[in-house]
Structure formats: structure tokens, C-alpha cells
Amino acid sequence: MKPLTIVKESRAMRMRTRKPAMPEPSANSIKLRIDSKTTIMVRSEESMQMWMKKYPNAKVVL
């Protein structure tokens, strides 16, 4: 059996990935809650209708 070697941890291994920040809501944006973990922002009524077709349980969040 080979002896264990200690390897220095690289900076890339220590860095955590960041969640993308939600853009600032504008006056005409609409928030939709797709499921319990996912909230999206859409800019138009047509976009909202498209998402509502894909996810019938989606709810508009004020």
C-alpha cells in the first residue's frame, strides 16, 4: 500500500461559487414563484403567460 501524500490545496478548490444576484426589480417587472425554491422575474405579460403555460402551479408574487 502506498503512503499518503499531502497535497497543497489550490485556490480554485477553496473558492465557492456564488449564486447569481437577482436584478433590481423595475416598475414593469413581474415576479413568478415557479416552485418553493425558484422565483423568476419577467418583464412582459407575454412572458408571464408563457411561463404560466409551462408551470401551471406558478403564482404571481407581489
Protein backbone atom coordinates (compact mmCIF):
# COMPACT_ATOMS: atom_id res chain seq x y z
CA MET A 1 0.00 0.00 0.00
CA LYS A 2 1.35 3.45 -0.94
CA PRO A 3 1.86 6.02 1.79
CA LEU A 4 -0.44 9.04 1.71
CA THR A 5 1.00 12.23 0.27
CA ILE A 6 -0.09 15.66 1.38
CA VAL A 7 -1.09 17.89 -1.49
CA LYS A 8 -1.42 21.64 -1.13
CA GLU A 9 -4.99 22.79 -1.77
CA SER A 10 -5.22 25.11 -4.75
CA ARG A 11 -7.04 28.44 -4.64
CA ALA A 12 -9.59 27.21 -7.17
CA MET A 13 -10.56 24.37 -4.86
CA ARG A 14 -11.23 26.77 -1.96
CA MET A 15 -13.29 29.28 -3.92
CA ARG A 16 -17.02 28.88 -3.63
CA THR A 17 -19.36 29.59 -6.45
CA ARG A 18 -21.72 32.49 -5.93
CA LYS A 19 -25.41 32.48 -6.71
CA PRO A 20 -26.30 34.95 -9.43
CA ALA A 21 -27.79 38.08 -7.93
CA MET A 22 -31.34 38.91 -8.90
CA PRO A 23 -31.51 42.10 -10.93
CA GLU A 24 -33.16 45.14 -9.42
CA PRO A 25 -36.91 44.99 -10.00
CA SER A 26 -38.15 47.63 -12.39
CA ALA A 27 -41.60 49.17 -12.39
CA ASN A 28 -42.91 46.82 -15.07
CA SER A 29 -41.32 43.55 -13.89
CA ILE A 30 -43.45 40.68 -12.56
CA LYS A 31 -42.22 38.09 -10.06
CA LEU A 32 -43.36 34.49 -10.51
CA ARG A 33 -42.84 31.74 -7.95
CA ILE A 34 -42.33 28.60 -10.05
CA ASP A 35 -41.93 26.27 -7.08
CA SER A 36 -40.94 26.52 -3.44
CA LYS A 37 -37.29 27.26 -4.30
CA THR A 38 -37.48 29.11 -7.61
CA THR A 39 -38.60 32.69 -8.18
CA ILE A 40 -38.15 34.40 -11.55
CA MET A 41 -38.74 37.92 -12.79
CA VAL A 42 -40.32 38.56 -16.19
CA ARG A 43 -40.66 41.85 -17.99
CA SER A 44 -43.81 41.43 -20.01
CA GLU A 45 -47.29 39.97 -19.84
CA GLU A 46 -46.49 37.68 -22.79
CA SER A 47 -43.51 36.23 -20.93
CA MET A 48 -45.65 35.66 -17.88
CA GLN A 49 -48.25 33.78 -19.94
CA MET A 50 -45.53 31.61 -21.49
CA TRP A 51 -44.17 30.64 -18.04
CA MET A 52 -47.68 30.03 -16.71
CA LYS A 53 -48.26 27.54 -19.56
CA LYS A 54 -45.05 25.68 -18.71
CA TYR A 55 -45.71 25.76 -14.97
CA PRO A 56 -49.45 25.81 -14.23
CA ASN A 57 -48.83 25.97 -10.45
CA ALA A 58 -46.77 29.17 -10.75
CA LYS A 59 -48.01 32.11 -8.68
CA VAL A 60 -47.54 35.85 -9.07
CA VAL A 61 -45.63 37.34 -6.13
CA LEU A 62 -46.11 40.98 -5.28
